[in-house]
């Protein structure tokens, strides 16, 4: 009888250990699945399609090179920009522009210039770190390389060089429209800490994929700030957290005193906006 009880007790202990091992294995499998999913999401965020890459290169060209035509409306004007690009890079053009005239569309400056820069990268004329960038990190590495390689030729970036008066005050632009008019995105940054500034609202833009309104300010010190507002589904649509003013209906070329705060999670949030000049309720 005693031997049977001992055997039964040992069996129970082994079953308990087996259940414990199975439980740990399930936890490890779930953790591994989460890590794989996170790695996949990170890879998707980093991935850049070919069109976005050409836009990025083209934007760099417009920001750093003195182009004859900021937004070419004819094929001939696009050729002038391409020739200026080749002069800047010190490359010898062996033939006419590689892009076909029948595919040209007015205002496609960044696509055209970006395609040309990409072609030179692929030919390794520029000796960029990545001959065919596939991620945002690789793309930025190439752009940084170009800026470092031609520091004397690239003009210093200054928000005062851009004519914000060309923007229609009561209009909210799309991302594509902002690219076509050569808006200086690189001159604006999202605040990374609590702060307060007074500046002019120079532009508003709808985000590409989200119910989000992006407002661009130039402060009294000449710094560019980008503040985001989200749709809340009520009468406080596109308002700062503690100010009941909807910036969907506010015109640009108005001056505001803005405060930026942080949430409990450390995320930046636009707290308040006080009209200083040019705004009337």
Protein backbone atom coordinates (compact mmCIF):
# COMPACT_ATOMS: atom_id res chain seq x y z
CA UNK A 1 0.00 0.00 0.00
CA UNK A 2 2.79 2.38 0.88
CA UNK A 3 4.57 1.75 -2.41
CA UNK A 4 1.36 2.57 -4.31
CA UNK A 5 0.93 5.85 -2.44
CA UNK A 6 4.56 6.80 -3.06
CA UNK A 7 4.22 6.02 -6.76
CA UNK A 8 1.00 8.06 -6.95
CA UNK A 9 2.66 10.99 -5.17
CA UNK A 10 5.61 10.91 -7.55
CA UNK A 11 3.24 10.81 -10.54
CA UNK A 12 1.44 13.90 -9.24
CA UNK A 13 4.76 15.71 -8.77
CA UNK A 14 5.83 14.85 -12.31
CA UNK A 15 2.48 16.01 -13.70
CA UNK A 16 2.80 19.30 -11.81
CA UNK A 17 6.31 19.81 -13.20
CA UNK A 18 5.10 18.94 -16.69
CA UNK A 19 2.23 21.43 -16.40
CA UNK A 20 4.68 24.06 -15.18
CA UNK A 21 7.00 23.40 -18.13
CA UNK A 22 4.06 23.58 -20.55
CA UNK A 23 2.94 26.88 -19.00
CA UNK A 24 6.43 28.35 -19.34
CA UNK A 25 6.63 27.12 -22.92
CA UNK A 26 3.31 28.77 -23.79
CA UNK A 27 4.50 32.05 -22.25
CA UNK A 28 7.76 31.88 -24.21
CA UNK A 29 5.88 31.11 -27.44
CA UNK A 30 3.56 34.10 -26.86
CA UNK A 31 6.54 36.34 -26.11
CA UNK A 32 8.30 35.12 -29.25
CA UNK A 33 5.15 35.81 -31.30
CA UNK A 34 4.95 39.35 -29.86
CA UNK A 35 8.61 39.99 -30.67
CA UNK A 36 8.14 38.73 -34.23
CA UNK A 37 5.03 40.89 -34.66
CA UNK A 38 6.87 43.93 -33.28
CA UNK A 39 9.80 43.29 -35.62
CA UNK A 40 7.38 43.00 -38.54
CA UNK A 41 5.68 46.29 -37.62
CA UNK A 42 9.07 47.98 -37.30
CA UNK A 43 10.05 46.66 -40.73
CA UNK A 44 6.79 47.95 -42.24
CA UNK A 45 7.31 51.38 -40.69
CA UNK A 46 10.84 51.54 -42.07
CA UNK A 47 9.89 50.37 -45.55
CA UNK A 48 9.71 53.14 -48.14
CA UNK A 49 8.14 52.72 -51.55
CA UNK A 50 9.93 53.94 -54.68
CA UNK A 51 7.67 56.95 -55.20
CA UNK A 52 8.30 58.28 -51.69
CA UNK A 53 12.03 57.88 -52.22
CA UNK A 54 11.95 59.95 -55.41
CA UNK A 55 9.91 62.63 -53.61
CA UNK A 56 12.46 62.76 -50.79
CA UNK A 57 15.42 63.11 -53.14
CA UNK A 58 13.59 65.72 -55.17
CA UNK A 59 12.72 67.70 -52.05
CA UNK A 60 16.39 67.64 -51.07
CA UNK A 61 17.32 68.99 -54.50
CA UNK A 62 14.79 71.84 -54.26
CA UNK A 63 15.94 72.74 -50.74
CA UNK A 64 19.67 72.68 -51.46
CA UNK A 65 20.19 73.61 -55.10
CA UNK A 66 19.45 76.85 -56.89
CA UNK A 67 16.95 75.57 -59.45
CA UNK A 68 15.80 77.73 -62.38
CA UNK A 69 12.23 76.43 -62.00
CA UNK A 70 10.92 75.54 -58.54
CA UNK A 71 7.79 73.99 -60.07
CA UNK A 72 8.29 73.27 -63.79
CA UNK A 73 5.09 73.52 -65.81
CA UNK A 74 6.56 72.38 -69.13
CA UNK A 75 8.94 69.66 -70.23
CA UNK A 76 11.47 72.28 -71.31
CA UNK A 77 11.44 73.84 -67.83
CA UNK A 78 11.99 70.40 -66.30
CA UNK A 79 15.04 69.96 -68.56
CA UNK A 80 16.48 73.23 -67.19
CA UNK A 81 16.15 71.87 -63.67
CA UNK A 82 17.75 68.57 -64.62
CA UNK A 83 20.70 70.37 -66.24
CA UNK A 84 21.11 72.51 -63.09
CA UNK A 85 21.10 69.31 -61.03
CA UNK A 86 23.84 67.79 -63.18
CA UNK A 87 25.92 70.96 -62.97
CA UNK A 88 25.58 70.88 -59.19
CA UNK A 89 26.65 67.24 -58.96
CA UNK A 90 29.45 67.73 -61.45
CA UNK A 91 28.14 64.96 -63.72
CA UNK A 92 28.43 64.83 -67.48
CA UNK A 93 25.11 64.37 -69.23
CA UNK A 94 25.65 62.00 -72.13
CA UNK A 95 22.20 62.29 -73.68
CA UNK A 96 18.82 63.96 -73.38
CA UNK A 97 16.79 63.53 -70.15
CA UNK A 98 15.97 59.88 -69.55
CA UNK A 99 12.35 60.55 -68.68
CA UNK A 100 9.91 60.62 -71.57
CA UNK A 101 8.12 63.84 -72.44
CA UNK A 102 4.78 62.08 -72.80
CA UNK A 103 4.94 61.03 -69.13
CA UNK A 104 5.72 64.51 -67.86
CA UNK A 105 3.04 66.29 -65.79
CA UNK A 106 3.15 69.99 -64.78
CA UNK A 107 4.44 70.51 -61.25
CA UNK A 108 6.14 67.09 -60.98
CA UNK A 109 9.47 68.66 -60.14
CA UNK A 110 10.31 66.41 -57.19
CA UNK A 111 9.47 63.21 -59.02
CA UNK A 112 11.63 64.19 -61.99
CA UNK A 113 14.57 65.41 -59.92
CA UNK A 114 14.30 62.51 -57.50
CA UNK A 115 14.37 59.99 -60.36
CA UNK A 116 17.50 61.62 -61.74
CA UNK A 117 19.30 61.61 -58.38
CA UNK A 118 18.30 57.97 -57.84
CA UNK A 119 19.71 57.03 -61.21
CA UNK A 120 23.04 58.63 -60.37
CA UNK A 121 23.09 56.82 -57.03
CA UNK A 122 22.46 53.51 -58.76
CA UNK A 123 25.36 54.26 -61.12
CA UNK A 124 27.49 54.95 -58.02
CA UNK A 125 28.63 58.28 -59.42
CA UNK A 126 27.96 59.83 -56.03
CA UNK A 127 29.33 56.86 -54.03
CA UNK A 128 26.40 57.05 -51.59
CA UNK A 129 26.24 54.51 -48.73
CA UNK A 130 23.22 52.81 -50.32
CA UNK A 131 22.92 52.48 -54.09
CA UNK A 132 19.22 51.63 -53.86
CA UNK A 133 17.76 52.67 -50.47
CA UNK A 134 14.79 50.59 -49.35
CA UNK A 135 14.17 52.03 -45.87
CA UNK A 136 13.83 55.49 -44.35
CA UNK A 137 17.10 54.98 -42.50
CA UNK A 138 19.01 54.16 -45.68
CA UNK A 139 17.36 57.04 -47.54
CA UNK A 140 18.28 59.53 -44.82
CA UNK A 141 21.84 58.20 -44.82
CA UNK A 142 22.12 59.00 -48.53
CA UNK A 143 20.64 62.49 -48.14
CA UNK A 144 22.97 63.23 -45.21
CA UNK A 145 25.88 62.02 -47.34
CA UNK A 146 24.92 64.39 -50.16
CA UNK A 147 24.66 67.33 -47.77
CA UNK A 148 28.10 66.56 -46.31
CA UNK A 149 29.71 66.02 -49.71
CA UNK A 150 28.60 69.37 -51.14
CA UNK A 151 28.57 71.75 -48.12
CA UNK A 152 29.96 74.70 -50.08
CA UNK A 153 27.40 74.46 -52.88
CA UNK A 154 24.30 73.72 -50.83
CA UNK A 155 22.60 76.90 -49.68
CA UNK A 156 21.98 77.41 -45.97
CA UNK A 157 18.41 76.56 -45.04
CA UNK A 158 16.43 79.57 -43.85
CA UNK A 159 12.67 79.85 -43.38
CA UNK A 160 12.89 83.54 -44.31
CA UNK A 161 13.79 82.46 -47.86
CA UNK A 162 10.30 81.03 -48.37
CA UNK A 163 7.38 83.24 -49.38
CA UNK A 164 4.55 82.03 -47.13
CA UNK A 165 2.27 84.73 -48.56
CA UNK A 166 1.82 82.54 -51.63
CA UNK A 167 -0.40 80.26 -49.53
CA UNK A 168 -4.14 80.98 -49.53
CA UNK A 169 -5.10 81.97 -45.94
CA UNK A 170 -8.43 80.13 -45.71
CA UNK A 171 -7.25 76.94 -47.41
CA UNK A 172 -6.08 73.68 -45.85
CA UNK A 173 -3.64 72.00 -48.23
CA UNK A 174 -3.03 68.31 -48.89
CA UNK A 175 0.41 66.72 -48.54
CA UNK A 176 0.77 66.47 -52.31
CA UNK A 177 -0.13 70.14 -52.80
CA UNK A 178 2.41 71.18 -50.17
CA UNK A 179 5.10 69.18 -51.96
CA UNK A 180 4.18 70.70 -55.32
CA UNK A 181 4.59 74.26 -54.01
CA UNK A 182 7.91 73.32 -52.44
CA UNK A 183 6.87 73.90 -48.82
CA UNK A 184 9.99 73.84 -46.57
CA UNK A 185 9.07 70.88 -44.34
CA UNK A 186 12.67 70.50 -43.12
CA UNK A 187 12.42 73.89 -41.42
CA UNK A 188 9.71 72.70 -39.01
CA UNK A 189 9.98 70.32 -36.08
CA UNK A 190 7.62 68.90 -33.46
CA UNK A 191 8.51 70.20 -29.96
CA UNK A 192 10.04 67.50 -27.77
CA UNK A 193 9.45 69.19 -24.39
CA UNK A 194 7.13 71.57 -22.58
CA UNK A 195 7.45 75.04 -24.02
CA UNK A 196 5.73 78.30 -24.91
CA UNK A 197 6.19 80.41 -28.02
CA UNK A 198 4.54 83.20 -29.99
CA UNK A 199 4.47 82.76 -33.73
CA UNK A 200 2.61 83.18 -37.01
CA UNK A 201 0.44 80.38 -38.32
CA UNK A 202 1.86 80.11 -41.85
CA UNK A 203 0.16 76.96 -43.16
CA UNK A 204 -2.31 74.17 -42.41
CA UNK A 205 -2.27 70.70 -43.93
CA UNK A 206 -4.34 67.53 -43.75
CA UNK A 207 -2.35 64.45 -42.77
CA UNK A 208 -2.18 61.79 -45.46
CA UNK A 209 -3.93 58.88 -43.73
CA UNK A 210 -5.42 60.08 -40.46
CA UNK A 211 -8.15 62.52 -39.33
CA UNK A 212 -5.39 64.88 -38.33
CA UNK A 213 -4.78 68.59 -38.94
CA UNK A 214 -1.17 69.79 -38.98
CA UNK A 215 -0.43 73.45 -38.22
CA UNK A 216 2.89 75.11 -39.08
CA UNK A 217 4.14 78.10 -37.04
CA UNK A 218 7.16 80.39 -37.42
CA UNK A 219 8.09 81.85 -34.03
CA UNK A 220 9.34 85.36 -33.30
CA UNK A 221 12.85 83.87 -33.13
CA UNK A 222 12.49 82.46 -36.67
CA UNK A 223 12.13 78.83 -35.57
CA UNK A 224 9.59 76.57 -37.26
CA UNK A 225 7.22 74.43 -35.18
CA UNK A 226 4.74 71.80 -36.26
CA UNK A 227 1.73 71.12 -34.02
CA UNK A 228 -0.82 68.36 -34.62
CA UNK A 229 -4.54 68.26 -33.85
CA UNK A 230 -6.81 65.21 -34.02
CA UNK A 231 -10.50 64.82 -34.76
CA UNK A 232 -12.34 64.13 -31.51
CA UNK A 233 -15.83 63.48 -32.89
CA UNK A 234 -17.53 66.36 -31.05
CA UNK A 235 -17.75 70.15 -30.97
CA UNK A 236 -14.07 70.32 -29.95
CA UNK A 237 -12.85 69.03 -33.32
CA UNK A 238 -9.25 70.04 -34.08
CA UNK A 239 -8.87 72.15 -30.93
CA UNK A 240 -5.90 72.37 -28.56
CA UNK A 241 -6.45 70.47 -25.31
CA UNK A 242 -7.49 73.48 -23.22
CA UNK A 243 -8.60 75.99 -25.89
CA UNK A 244 -12.06 75.74 -27.55
CA UNK A 245 -10.90 77.19 -30.89
CA UNK A 246 -11.17 74.91 -33.92
CA UNK A 247 -8.12 75.44 -36.13
CA UNK A 248 -9.99 73.94 -39.06
CA UNK A 249 -11.75 77.32 -39.40
CA UNK A 250 -8.83 79.59 -38.42
CA UNK A 251 -7.04 81.38 -41.24
CA UNK A 252 -3.28 81.47 -41.66
CA UNK A 253 -1.22 84.67 -41.44
CA UNK A 254 -2.49 85.06 -37.87
CA UNK A 255 -0.32 85.27 -34.75
CA UNK A 256 -0.76 82.97 -31.75
CA UNK A 257 0.76 82.41 -28.34
CA UNK A 258 0.94 78.62 -27.95
CA UNK A 259 1.83 76.37 -25.04
CA UNK A 260 2.94 72.78 -25.46
CA UNK A 261 2.71 70.19 -22.68
CA UNK A 262 3.36 66.53 -22.05
CA UNK A 263 0.93 63.73 -21.20
CA UNK A 264 1.52 61.17 -18.43
CA UNK A 265 3.08 58.93 -21.06
CA UNK A 266 5.52 61.66 -22.10
CA UNK A 267 3.81 62.43 -25.41
CA UNK A 268 3.76 66.00 -26.74
CA UNK A 269 0.34 67.67 -26.73
CA UNK A 270 -0.76 71.12 -27.85
CA UNK A 271 -2.26 72.62 -24.69
CA UNK A 272 -3.43 76.18 -25.40
CA UNK A 273 -3.55 78.81 -28.12
CA UNK A 274 -4.16 82.51 -27.49
CA UNK A 275 -4.86 84.84 -30.41
CA UNK A 276 -2.43 87.73 -30.50
CA UNK A 277 -3.01 89.30 -33.90
CA UNK A 278 -5.18 88.87 -36.98
CA UNK A 279 -7.83 86.56 -35.46
CA UNK A 280 -11.40 87.64 -34.70
CA UNK A 281 -14.15 85.41 -33.30
